[in-house]
Amino acid sequence: MPQPAAAREVEVEVLPKGSTGFGRHPVTGKDDPLVALVARLMDTLFTIPGTKIRVGLDPLIGLIPALGSPISAFISLLMIARSAQLGVPNVVLARMGLNVLLNAALDAVPIAGDALSIFYRSNARNHELLQKYAGTRRAATAGDRLFVFALMAGIIAVVVLVIVGALTVALGFWKWATGQA
């Protein structure tokens, strides 16, 4: 007597017509729901009452003196690292890094920079780049990994320099204002 075929479990996802699913690009079909969530949390989580302006945690984190900008940049760097794992080309990763640098530079300016950060939304921009370019890179090489590591190290170095510069200016201003100069 023949053995019955082994049962297989099949997953089915029902989506509305024309939908590609949460966090998926219609062309590449690739994305990462975690990156989509982090981009939303950091850049577009809330709507300012009485306006259509969306704001996330990024400008709020940026208000933490001396720590906000590095924390925000670190979260953005994790998104870039994940994008590298998903096959985003190096030149696009560099563009993502530039978005993070610009956001960190804005965050370094007390209060006003955080307000401008609301409109720049580097994490949302990087998420869009991920959606567009995920899976378009050739297989990762050791050189690619070195490139991403160097990019992240450079971004971290620039963020630290911007913070040190901002703190130095603030300390100088404080000494001048209190007559300790």
C-alpha atoms as a PDB file:
ATOM      1  CA  MET A   1       0.000   0.000   0.000  1.00  0.00           C
ATOM      2  CA  PRO A   2       1.485   3.408  -0.968  1.00  0.00           C
ATOM      3  CA  GLN A   3       2.402   5.946   1.722  1.00  0.00           C
ATOM      4  CA  PRO A   4       0.294   9.135   1.803  1.00  0.00           C
ATOM      5  CA  ALA A   5       2.111  12.302   0.739  1.00  0.00           C
ATOM      6  CA  ALA A   6       3.455  14.452   3.556  1.00  0.00           C
ATOM      7  CA  ALA A   7       1.241  17.376   4.423  1.00  0.00           C
ATOM      8  CA  ARG A   8       2.629  20.823   3.693  1.00  0.00           C
ATOM      9  CA  GLU A   9       1.648  24.018   5.401  1.00  0.00           C
ATOM     10  CA  VAL A  10       0.828  26.874   3.066  1.00  0.00           C
ATOM     11  CA  GLU A  11       0.683  30.523   4.138  1.00  0.00           C
ATOM     12  CA  VAL A  12      -1.777  32.766   2.349  1.00  0.00           C
ATOM     13  CA  GLU A  13      -2.049  36.506   2.746  1.00  0.00           C
ATOM     14  CA  VAL A  14      -5.179  38.249   1.528  1.00  0.00           C
ATOM     15  CA  LEU A  15      -4.609  41.832   0.465  1.00  0.00           C
ATOM     16  CA  PRO A  16      -6.893  44.423  -1.063  1.00  0.00           C
ATOM     17  CA  LYS A  17      -6.789  44.679  -4.879  1.00  0.00           C
ATOM     18  CA  GLY A  18      -3.681  46.570  -6.028  1.00  0.00           C
ATOM     19  CA  SER A  19      -2.012  46.354  -2.609  1.00  0.00           C
ATOM     20  CA  THR A  20       1.541  45.077  -2.350  1.00  0.00           C
ATOM     21  CA  GLY A  21       1.495  44.582   1.410  1.00  0.00           C
ATOM     22  CA  PHE A  22       2.863  46.621   4.301  1.00  0.00           C
ATOM     23  CA  GLY A  23       6.246  48.119   3.574  1.00  0.00           C
ATOM     24  CA  ARG A  24       6.685  46.614   0.102  1.00  0.00           C
ATOM     25  CA  HIS A  25       7.651  48.445  -3.066  1.00  0.00           C
ATOM     26  CA  PRO A  26       5.353  47.659  -6.022  1.00  0.00           C
ATOM     27  CA  VAL A  27       8.275  47.084  -8.417  1.00  0.00           C
ATOM     28  CA  THR A  28      10.944  45.351  -6.341  1.00  0.00           C
ATOM     29  CA  GLY A  29       8.563  43.778  -3.839  1.00  0.00           C
ATOM     30  CA  LYS A  30      11.381  44.126  -1.302  1.00  0.00           C
ATOM     31  CA  ASP A  31      11.378  46.129   1.866  1.00  0.00           C
ATOM     32  CA  ASP A  32      11.817  45.618   5.536  1.00  0.00           C
ATOM     33  CA  PRO A  33       8.842  46.195   7.837  1.00  0.00           C
ATOM     34  CA  LEU A  34      11.241  47.088  10.665  1.00  0.00           C
ATOM     35  CA  VAL A  35      12.835  49.877   8.603  1.00  0.00           C
ATOM     36  CA  ALA A  36       9.363  51.097   7.622  1.00  0.00           C
ATOM     37  CA  LEU A  37       8.332  51.163  11.292  1.00  0.00           C
ATOM     38  CA  VAL A  38      11.476  52.980  12.438  1.00  0.00           C
ATOM     39  CA  ALA A  39      11.110  55.578   9.655  1.00  0.00           C
ATOM     40  CA  ARG A  40       7.510  56.178  10.705  1.00  0.00           C
ATOM     41  CA  LEU A  41       8.378  56.400  14.412  1.00  0.00           C
ATOM     42  CA  MET A  42      11.260  58.788  13.804  1.00  0.00           C
ATOM     43  CA  ASP A  43       9.685  61.073  11.182  1.00  0.00           C
ATOM     44  CA  THR A  44       5.896  60.843  10.820  1.00  0.00           C
ATOM     45  CA  LEU A  45       4.368  59.332  13.960  1.00  0.00           C
ATOM     46  CA  PHE A  46       2.146  62.242  15.035  1.00  0.00           C
ATOM     47  CA  THR A  47       0.219  65.002  13.328  1.00  0.00           C
ATOM     48  CA  ILE A  48       0.581  68.430  14.906  1.00  0.00           C
ATOM     49  CA  PRO A  49      -2.959  69.362  16.002  1.00  0.00           C
ATOM     50  CA  GLY A  50      -4.629  71.856  13.710  1.00  0.00           C
ATOM     51  CA  THR A  51      -2.145  71.237  10.895  1.00  0.00           C
ATOM     52  CA  LYS A  52      -1.272  68.571   8.361  1.00  0.00           C
ATOM     53  CA  ILE A  53       2.359  68.570   9.535  1.00  0.00           C
ATOM     54  CA  ARG A  54       3.588  65.154  10.608  1.00  0.00           C
ATOM     55  CA  VAL A  55       6.339  64.813  13.181  1.00  0.00           C
ATOM     56  CA  GLY A  56       8.090  61.846  14.713  1.00  0.00           C
ATOM     57  CA  LEU A  57      10.408  61.172  17.609  1.00  0.00           C
ATOM     58  CA  ASP A  58      13.534  62.479  15.837  1.00  0.00           C
ATOM     59  CA  PRO A  59      13.038  66.182  16.646  1.00  0.00           C
ATOM     60  CA  LEU A  60      11.916  65.303  20.177  1.00  0.00           C
ATOM     61  CA  ILE A  61      14.997  63.137  20.779  1.00  0.00           C
ATOM     62  CA  GLY A  62      17.074  65.989  19.346  1.00  0.00           C
ATOM     63  CA  LEU A  63      15.960  68.209  22.217  1.00  0.00           C
ATOM     64  CA  ILE A  64      18.001  66.129  24.691  1.00  0.00           C
ATOM     65  CA  PRO A  65      21.145  68.225  25.238  1.00  0.00           C
ATOM     66  CA  ALA A  66      24.368  66.613  23.933  1.00  0.00           C
ATOM     67  CA  LEU A  67      22.758  63.168  23.564  1.00  0.00           C
ATOM     68  CA  GLY A  68      19.800  63.688  21.235  1.00  0.00           C
ATOM     69  CA  SER A  69      21.710  64.109  17.991  1.00  0.00           C
ATOM     70  CA  PRO A  70      23.966  61.044  18.493  1.00  0.00           C
ATOM     71  CA  ILE A  71      21.004  58.877  19.491  1.00  0.00           C
ATOM     72  CA  SER A  72      19.043  59.958  16.439  1.00  0.00           C
ATOM     73  CA  ALA A  73      22.052  59.460  14.147  1.00  0.00           C
ATOM     74  CA  PHE A  74      22.698  55.999  15.610  1.00  0.00           C
ATOM     75  CA  ILE A  75      19.139  54.915  14.876  1.00  0.00           C
ATOM     76  CA  SER A  76      19.502  56.221  11.322  1.00  0.00           C
ATOM     77  CA  LEU A  77      22.804  54.351  10.932  1.00  0.00           C
ATOM     78  CA  LEU A  78      21.088  51.117  11.930  1.00  0.00           C
ATOM     79  CA  MET A  79      18.589  51.734   9.110  1.00  0.00           C
ATOM     80  CA  ILE A  80      21.468  52.200   6.661  1.00  0.00           C
ATOM     81  CA  ALA A  81      23.106  48.983   7.864  1.00  0.00           C
ATOM     82  CA  ARG A  82      19.838  47.115   7.340  1.00  0.00           C
ATOM     83  CA  SER A  83      19.524  48.652   3.878  1.00  0.00           C
ATOM     84  CA  ALA A  84      22.991  47.349   3.054  1.00  0.00           C
ATOM     85  CA  GLN A  85      21.858  43.858   4.086  1.00  0.00           C
ATOM     86  CA  LEU A  86      18.854  44.189   1.765  1.00  0.00           C
ATOM     87  CA  GLY A  87      21.084  44.829  -1.254  1.00  0.00           C
ATOM     88  CA  VAL A  88      20.936  48.608  -1.669  1.00  0.00           C
ATOM     89  CA  PRO A  89      23.824  49.754  -3.943  1.00  0.00           C
ATOM     90  CA  ASN A  90      26.802  51.514  -2.337  1.00  0.00           C
ATOM     91  CA  VAL A  91      26.146  54.836  -4.038  1.00  0.00           C
ATOM     92  CA  VAL A  92      22.618  54.845  -2.603  1.00  0.00           C
ATOM     93  CA  LEU A  93      24.002  53.937   0.831  1.00  0.00           C
ATOM     94  CA  ALA A  94      26.302  56.964   0.524  1.00  0.00           C
ATOM     95  CA  ARG A  95      23.284  59.118  -0.324  1.00  0.00           C
ATOM     96  CA  MET A  96      21.513  57.741   2.753  1.00  0.00           C
ATOM     97  CA  GLY A  97      24.576  58.619   4.804  1.00  0.00           C
ATOM     98  CA  LEU A  98      24.468  62.175   3.469  1.00  0.00           C
ATOM     99  CA  ASN A  99      20.815  62.406   4.536  1.00  0.00           C
ATOM    100  CA  VAL A 100      21.854  61.375   8.057  1.00  0.00           C
ATOM    101  CA  LEU A 101      24.720  63.894   8.080  1.00  0.00           C
ATOM    102  CA  LEU A 102      22.416  66.729   7.034  1.00  0.00           C
ATOM    103  CA  ASN A 103      19.911  65.751   9.705  1.00  0.00           C
ATOM    104  CA  ALA A 104      22.677  65.579  12.336  1.00  0.00           C
ATOM    105  CA  ALA A 105      23.898  69.024  11.292  1.00  0.00           C
ATOM    106  CA  LEU A 106      20.365  70.374  11.687  1.00  0.00           C
ATOM    107  CA  ASP A 107      19.995  68.653  15.062  1.00  0.00           C
ATOM    108  CA  ALA A 108      23.204  70.294  16.281  1.00  0.00           C
ATOM    109  CA  VAL A 109      21.543  73.712  16.148  1.00  0.00           C
ATOM    110  CA  PRO A 110      19.586  74.026  19.407  1.00  0.00           C
ATOM    111  CA  ILE A 111      15.786  74.326  19.062  1.00  0.00           C
ATOM    112  CA  ALA A 112      15.771  75.793  15.523  1.00  0.00           C
ATOM    113  CA  GLY A 113      17.562  72.743  14.124  1.00  0.00           C
ATOM    114  CA  ASP A 114      15.032  70.428  15.687  1.00  0.00           C
ATOM    115  CA  ALA A 115      12.223  72.458  14.151  1.00  0.00           C
ATOM    116  CA  LEU A 116      13.895  72.226  10.718  1.00  0.00           C
ATOM    117  CA  SER A 117      14.407  68.493  11.241  1.00  0.00           C
ATOM    118  CA  ILE A 118      10.618  68.111  11.234  1.00  0.00           C
ATOM    119  CA  PHE A 119      10.583  69.048   7.562  1.00  0.00           C
ATOM    120  CA  TYR A 120      13.778  67.306   6.400  1.00  0.00           C
ATOM    121  CA  ARG A 121      12.788  63.757   7.524  1.00  0.00           C
ATOM    122  CA  SER A 122      15.998  61.895   6.719  1.00  0.00           C
ATOM    123  CA  ASN A 123      14.660  58.525   7.879  1.00  0.00           C
ATOM    124  CA  ALA A 124      11.606  58.747   5.622  1.00  0.00           C
ATOM    125  CA  ARG A 125      13.890  59.735   2.721  1.00  0.00           C
ATOM    126  CA  ASN A 126      16.162  56.781   3.433  1.00  0.00           C
ATOM    127  CA  HIS A 127      13.184  54.446   3.642  1.00  0.00           C
ATOM    128  CA  GLU A 128      12.046  55.626   0.198  1.00  0.00           C
ATOM    129  CA  LEU A 129      15.541  54.954  -1.158  1.00  0.00           C
ATOM    130  CA  LEU A 130      15.426  51.471   0.369  1.00  0.00           C
ATOM    131  CA  GLN A 131      12.080  50.762  -1.267  1.00  0.00           C
ATOM    132  CA  LYS A 132      13.359  51.925  -4.631  1.00  0.00           C
ATOM    133  CA  TYR A 133      16.761  50.211  -4.632  1.00  0.00           C
ATOM    134  CA  ALA A 134      16.462  47.116  -2.399  1.00  0.00           C
ATOM    135  CA  GLY A 135      17.877  44.052  -4.103  1.00  0.00           C
ATOM    136  CA  THR A 136      19.496  45.926  -6.998  1.00  0.00           C
ATOM    137  CA  ARG A 137      23.088  45.485  -5.841  1.00  0.00           C
ATOM    138  CA  ARG A 138      25.298  42.634  -6.907  1.00  0.00           C
ATOM    139  CA  ALA A 139      26.377  40.125  -4.257  1.00  0.00           C
ATOM    140  CA  ALA A 140      28.125  41.820  -1.327  1.00  0.00           C
ATOM    141  CA  THR A 141      31.885  41.572  -1.242  1.00  0.00           C
ATOM    142  CA  ALA A 142      34.386  42.266   1.513  1.00  0.00           C
ATOM    143  CA  GLY A 143      34.941  45.650  -0.163  1.00  0.00           C
ATOM    144  CA  ASP A 144      31.233  46.421   0.135  1.00  0.00           C
ATOM    145  CA  ARG A 145      31.277  45.609   3.827  1.00  0.00           C
ATOM    146  CA  LEU A 146      34.365  47.777   4.286  1.00  0.00           C
ATOM    147  CA  PHE A 147      32.625  50.607   2.408  1.00  0.00           C
ATOM    148  CA  VAL A 148      29.576  50.465   4.681  1.00  0.00           C
ATOM    149  CA  PHE A 149      31.789  50.296   7.784  1.00  0.00           C
ATOM    150  CA  ALA A 150      33.852  53.299   6.599  1.00  0.00           C
ATOM    151  CA  LEU A 151      30.678  55.214   5.741  1.00  0.00           C
ATOM    152  CA  MET A 152      29.233  54.630   9.198  1.00  0.00           C
ATOM    153  CA  ALA A 153      32.530  55.469  10.901  1.00  0.00           C
ATOM    154  CA  GLY A 154      32.712  58.703   8.897  1.00  0.00           C
ATOM    155  CA  ILE A 155      29.155  59.661   9.774  1.00  0.00           C
ATOM    156  CA  ILE A 156      29.753  58.960  13.443  1.00  0.00           C
ATOM    157  CA  ALA A 157      32.956  61.034  13.352  1.00  0.00           C
ATOM    158  CA  VAL A 158      31.200  63.983  11.709  1.00  0.00           C
ATOM    159  CA  VAL A 159      28.292  63.800  14.168  1.00  0.00           C
ATOM    160  CA  VAL A 160      30.724  63.767  17.097  1.00  0.00           C
ATOM    161  CA  LEU A 161      32.631  66.733  15.623  1.00  0.00           C
ATOM    162  CA  VAL A 162      29.416  68.681  15.100  1.00  0.00           C
ATOM    163  CA  ILE A 163      28.348  67.998  18.682  1.00  0.00           C
ATOM    164  CA  VAL A 164      31.753  68.927  20.098  1.00  0.00           C
ATOM    165  CA  GLY A 165      31.710  72.112  18.016  1.00  0.00           C
ATOM    166  CA  ALA A 166      28.196  73.005  19.171  1.00  0.00           C
ATOM    167  CA  LEU A 167      29.109  72.363  22.808  1.00  0.00           C
ATOM    168  CA  THR A 168      32.288  74.439  22.437  1.00  0.00           C
ATOM    169  CA  VAL A 169      30.312  77.343  20.982  1.00  0.00           C
ATOM    170  CA  ALA A 170      27.668  77.007  23.709  1.00  0.00           C
ATOM    171  CA  LEU A 171      30.342  76.942  26.430  1.00  0.00           C
ATOM    172  CA  GLY A 172      32.044  80.004  24.925  1.00  0.00           C
ATOM    173  CA  PHE A 173      28.737  81.823  24.769  1.00  0.00           C
ATOM    174  CA  TRP A 174      27.972  80.854  28.364  1.00  0.00           C
ATOM    175  CA  LYS A 175      31.342  82.166  29.550  1.00  0.00           C
ATOM    176  CA  TRP A 176      30.851  85.389  27.591  1.00  0.00           C
ATOM    177  CA  ALA A 177      27.273  85.849  28.902  1.00  0.00           C
ATOM    178  CA  THR A 178      28.284  85.268  32.516  1.00  0.00           C
ATOM    179  CA  GLY A 179      31.422  87.410  32.253  1.00  0.00           C
ATOM    180  CA  GLN A 180      33.818  84.508  32.890  1.00  0.00           C
ATOM    181  CA  ALA A 181      35.680  84.983  29.585  1.00  0.00           C
END
